Amino acid sequence: QVQLVESGGGLVQDGGSLRLTCAASASRFRINEAGWYRQAPGNQRDLVAKISTGDTTSYADSVKGRFTISRDSAKNTVYLQMNNLKPEDTGVYYCNAQIREQVGVNGWAEFGTWGQGTQVTVSS
């Protein structure tokens, strides 16, 4: 089953903007700490941005000042706002999150999982 669903990717011109979303697939899956990773064809998957349970954020040097990771706890959703996009930002973006799952009454489980990925293409 899918716990994280990503959306918001697309094709934009150099200097454009996109906002990616990472949403839990059901209300019983609560997103705690989370991160966004980027992978180009043939390359490894690299961390781009992360947000802690307490909403402390950090970024890769290549995106610092241009990307912003945030959370809407009421919507159980994590976002990646990407501004001033560059061709080098092209790749598949994956959401990774630590999930706290409500299990029955007064029970819970915790695990890490990945979203399905969303393609971001920046043309020059």
C-alpha atoms as a PDB file:
ATOM      1  CA  GLN A   1       0.000   0.000   0.000  1.00  0.00           C
ATOM      2  CA  VAL A   2       1.028   3.613  -0.556  1.00  0.00           C
ATOM      3  CA  GLN A   3       1.587   5.828   2.475  1.00  0.00           C
ATOM      4  CA  LEU A   4       2.976   8.911   0.703  1.00  0.00           C
ATOM      5  CA  VAL A   5       1.604  10.492  -2.470  1.00  0.00           C
ATOM      6  CA  GLU A   6       3.629  13.127  -4.321  1.00  0.00           C
ATOM      7  CA  SER A   7       2.460  15.737  -6.810  1.00  0.00           C
ATOM      8  CA  GLY A   8       3.428  19.086  -8.298  1.00  0.00           C
ATOM      9  CA  GLY A   9       6.195  18.162 -10.714  1.00  0.00           C
ATOM     10  CA  GLY A  10       6.286  19.371 -14.286  1.00  0.00           C
ATOM     11  CA  LEU A  11       8.195  21.200 -16.990  1.00  0.00           C
ATOM     12  CA  VAL A  12       9.304  24.773 -16.354  1.00  0.00           C
ATOM     13  CA  GLN A  13      11.736  27.233 -17.880  1.00  0.00           C
ATOM     14  CA  ASP A  14      14.986  28.319 -16.294  1.00  0.00           C
ATOM     15  CA  GLY A  15      14.075  30.694 -13.464  1.00  0.00           C
ATOM     16  CA  GLY A  16      10.587  29.300 -12.987  1.00  0.00           C
ATOM     17  CA  SER A  17       8.941  27.933  -9.872  1.00  0.00           C
ATOM     18  CA  LEU A  18       7.162  24.778  -8.769  1.00  0.00           C
ATOM     19  CA  ARG A  19       5.701  23.557  -5.509  1.00  0.00           C
ATOM     20  CA  LEU A  20       5.879  19.866  -4.717  1.00  0.00           C
ATOM     21  CA  THR A  21       3.564  18.226  -2.218  1.00  0.00           C
ATOM     22  CA  CYS A  22       3.940  15.061  -0.198  1.00  0.00           C
ATOM     23  CA  ALA A  23       0.731  13.916   1.430  1.00  0.00           C
ATOM     24  CA  ALA A  24      -0.107  10.935   3.581  1.00  0.00           C
ATOM     25  CA  SER A  25      -2.494   8.576   1.814  1.00  0.00           C
ATOM     26  CA  ALA A  26      -4.717   8.134   4.872  1.00  0.00           C
ATOM     27  CA  SER A  27      -5.369  10.040   8.069  1.00  0.00           C
ATOM     28  CA  ARG A  28      -4.000   7.200  10.178  1.00  0.00           C
ATOM     29  CA  PHE A  29      -0.534   7.893   8.701  1.00  0.00           C
ATOM     30  CA  ARG A  30       0.936  10.961  10.380  1.00  0.00           C
ATOM     31  CA  ILE A  31       4.078  12.490   8.898  1.00  0.00           C
ATOM     32  CA  ASN A  32       6.788  13.278  11.422  1.00  0.00           C
ATOM     33  CA  GLU A  33      10.243  14.215  10.129  1.00  0.00           C
ATOM     34  CA  ALA A  34      10.532  14.304   6.354  1.00  0.00           C
ATOM     35  CA  GLY A  35      12.891  15.085   3.518  1.00  0.00           C
ATOM     36  CA  TRP A  36      13.009  15.636  -0.218  1.00  0.00           C
ATOM     37  CA  TYR A  37      15.556  13.807  -2.366  1.00  0.00           C
ATOM     38  CA  ARG A  38      16.522  14.338  -6.001  1.00  0.00           C
ATOM     39  CA  GLN A  39      17.719  11.735  -8.491  1.00  0.00           C
ATOM     40  CA  ALA A  40      18.765  12.230 -12.106  1.00  0.00           C
ATOM     41  CA  PRO A  41      18.953   9.220 -14.478  1.00  0.00           C
ATOM     42  CA  GLY A  42      22.005   7.121 -13.649  1.00  0.00           C
ATOM     43  CA  ASN A  43      22.769   9.144 -10.532  1.00  0.00           C
ATOM     44  CA  GLN A  44      22.347   8.502  -6.849  1.00  0.00           C
ATOM     45  CA  ARG A  45      19.476   9.873  -4.826  1.00  0.00           C
ATOM     46  CA  ASP A  46      20.670  12.970  -2.951  1.00  0.00           C
ATOM     47  CA  LEU A  47      19.079  14.805  -0.061  1.00  0.00           C
ATOM     48  CA  VAL A  48      17.825  18.250  -1.051  1.00  0.00           C
ATOM     49  CA  ALA A  49      15.919  19.443   2.008  1.00  0.00           C
ATOM     50  CA  LYS A  50      14.674  18.076   5.303  1.00  0.00           C
ATOM     51  CA  ILE A  51      12.332  19.124   8.071  1.00  0.00           C
ATOM     52  CA  SER A  52      12.291  17.788  11.609  1.00  0.00           C
ATOM     53  CA  THR A  53       9.294  16.911  13.737  1.00  0.00           C
ATOM     54  CA  GLY A  54       9.802  20.294  15.406  1.00  0.00           C
ATOM     55  CA  ASP A  55       9.980  21.998  11.967  1.00  0.00           C
ATOM     56  CA  THR A  56      13.694  22.707  11.988  1.00  0.00           C
ATOM     57  CA  THR A  57      14.827  22.791   8.350  1.00  0.00           C
ATOM     58  CA  SER A  58      18.069  22.267   6.485  1.00  0.00           C
ATOM     59  CA  TYR A  59      19.093  22.332   2.818  1.00  0.00           C
ATOM     60  CA  ALA A  60      21.719  21.141   0.418  1.00  0.00           C
ATOM     61  CA  ASP A  61      24.090  23.949  -0.544  1.00  0.00           C
ATOM     62  CA  SER A  62      22.967  23.739  -4.169  1.00  0.00           C
ATOM     63  CA  VAL A  63      19.388  24.765  -3.312  1.00  0.00           C
ATOM     64  CA  LYS A  64      19.845  26.940  -0.254  1.00  0.00           C
ATOM     65  CA  GLY A  65      18.115  30.277  -0.708  1.00  0.00           C
ATOM     66  CA  ARG A  66      15.974  28.960  -3.562  1.00  0.00           C
ATOM     67  CA  PHE A  67      14.036  26.033  -2.059  1.00  0.00           C
ATOM     68  CA  THR A  68      11.878  25.999   1.050  1.00  0.00           C
ATOM     69  CA  ILE A  69      10.568  22.907   2.802  1.00  0.00           C
ATOM     70  CA  SER A  70       7.515  23.347   5.012  1.00  0.00           C
ATOM     71  CA  ARG A  71       4.676  21.469   6.630  1.00  0.00           C
ATOM     72  CA  ASP A  72       0.950  21.911   7.083  1.00  0.00           C
ATOM     73  CA  SER A  73       0.183  19.673  10.033  1.00  0.00           C
ATOM     74  CA  ALA A  74      -3.587  20.153   9.685  1.00  0.00           C
ATOM     75  CA  LYS A  75      -3.402  18.775   6.136  1.00  0.00           C
ATOM     76  CA  ASN A  76      -0.737  16.209   7.058  1.00  0.00           C
ATOM     77  CA  THR A  77       1.289  17.414   4.092  1.00  0.00           C
ATOM     78  CA  VAL A  78       4.902  18.430   3.446  1.00  0.00           C
ATOM     79  CA  TYR A  79       5.795  20.902   0.707  1.00  0.00           C
ATOM     80  CA  LEU A  80       8.868  21.846  -1.266  1.00  0.00           C
ATOM     81  CA  GLN A  81       8.637  25.321  -2.761  1.00  0.00           C
ATOM     82  CA  MET A  82      11.202  25.602  -5.546  1.00  0.00           C
ATOM     83  CA  ASN A  83      12.012  29.069  -6.873  1.00  0.00           C
ATOM     84  CA  ASN A  84      14.540  30.260  -9.441  1.00  0.00           C
ATOM     85  CA  LEU A  85      14.814  26.756 -10.838  1.00  0.00           C
ATOM     86  CA  LYS A  86      17.880  25.839 -12.865  1.00  0.00           C
ATOM     87  CA  PRO A  87      18.447  23.054 -15.430  1.00  0.00           C
ATOM     88  CA  GLU A  88      20.695  21.384 -12.846  1.00  0.00           C
ATOM     89  CA  ASP A  89      17.603  20.918 -10.658  1.00  0.00           C
ATOM     90  CA  THR A  90      16.133  18.491 -13.190  1.00  0.00           C
ATOM     91  CA  GLY A  91      15.394  15.047 -11.822  1.00  0.00           C
ATOM     92  CA  VAL A  92      12.880  12.890 -10.047  1.00  0.00           C
ATOM     93  CA  TYR A  93      12.044  14.222  -6.607  1.00  0.00           C
ATOM     94  CA  TYR A  94      11.169  11.758  -3.885  1.00  0.00           C
ATOM     95  CA  CYS A  95       9.588  12.443  -0.542  1.00  0.00           C
ATOM     96  CA  ASN A  96      10.894  10.423   2.390  1.00  0.00           C
ATOM     97  CA  ALA A  97       9.195  10.508   5.762  1.00  0.00           C
ATOM     98  CA  GLN A  98       9.013   8.898   9.138  1.00  0.00           C
ATOM     99  CA  ILE A  99       5.401   7.844   9.593  1.00  0.00           C
ATOM    100  CA  ARG A 100       3.541   7.398  12.841  1.00  0.00           C
ATOM    101  CA  GLU A 101       0.549   5.143  12.172  1.00  0.00           C
ATOM    102  CA  GLN A 102      -2.509   4.903  14.382  1.00  0.00           C
ATOM    103  CA  VAL A 103      -3.231   1.208  14.932  1.00  0.00           C
ATOM    104  CA  GLY A 104      -6.576   0.328  16.456  1.00  0.00           C
ATOM    105  CA  VAL A 105      -7.479   2.048  19.688  1.00  0.00           C
ATOM    106  CA  ASN A 106      -4.593   3.616  21.612  1.00  0.00           C
ATOM    107  CA  GLY A 107      -2.012   1.805  19.513  1.00  0.00           C
ATOM    108  CA  TRP A 108       0.591   3.070  17.062  1.00  0.00           C
ATOM    109  CA  ALA A 109       3.490   2.041  14.873  1.00  0.00           C
ATOM    110  CA  GLU A 110       6.376   3.993  13.362  1.00  0.00           C
ATOM    111  CA  PHE A 111       8.244   3.381  10.115  1.00  0.00           C
ATOM    112  CA  GLY A 112      10.038   5.139   7.287  1.00  0.00           C
ATOM    113  CA  THR A 113       8.735   5.166   3.726  1.00  0.00           C
ATOM    114  CA  TRP A 114       9.179   6.779   0.294  1.00  0.00           C
ATOM    115  CA  GLY A 115       6.796   8.487  -2.085  1.00  0.00           C
ATOM    116  CA  GLN A 116       6.517   7.367  -5.704  1.00  0.00           C
ATOM    117  CA  GLY A 117       8.545  10.265  -7.084  1.00  0.00           C
ATOM    118  CA  THR A 118       7.562  13.223  -9.244  1.00  0.00           C
ATOM    119  CA  GLN A 119       9.459  14.444 -12.309  1.00  0.00           C
ATOM    120  CA  VAL A 120      10.818  17.988 -12.416  1.00  0.00           C
ATOM    121  CA  THR A 121      12.300  19.183 -15.693  1.00  0.00           C
ATOM    122  CA  VAL A 122      13.851  22.629 -16.078  1.00  0.00           C
ATOM    123  CA  SER A 123      14.575  23.774 -19.625  1.00  0.00           C
ATOM    124  CA  SER A 124      17.222  26.332 -20.513  1.00  0.00           C
END
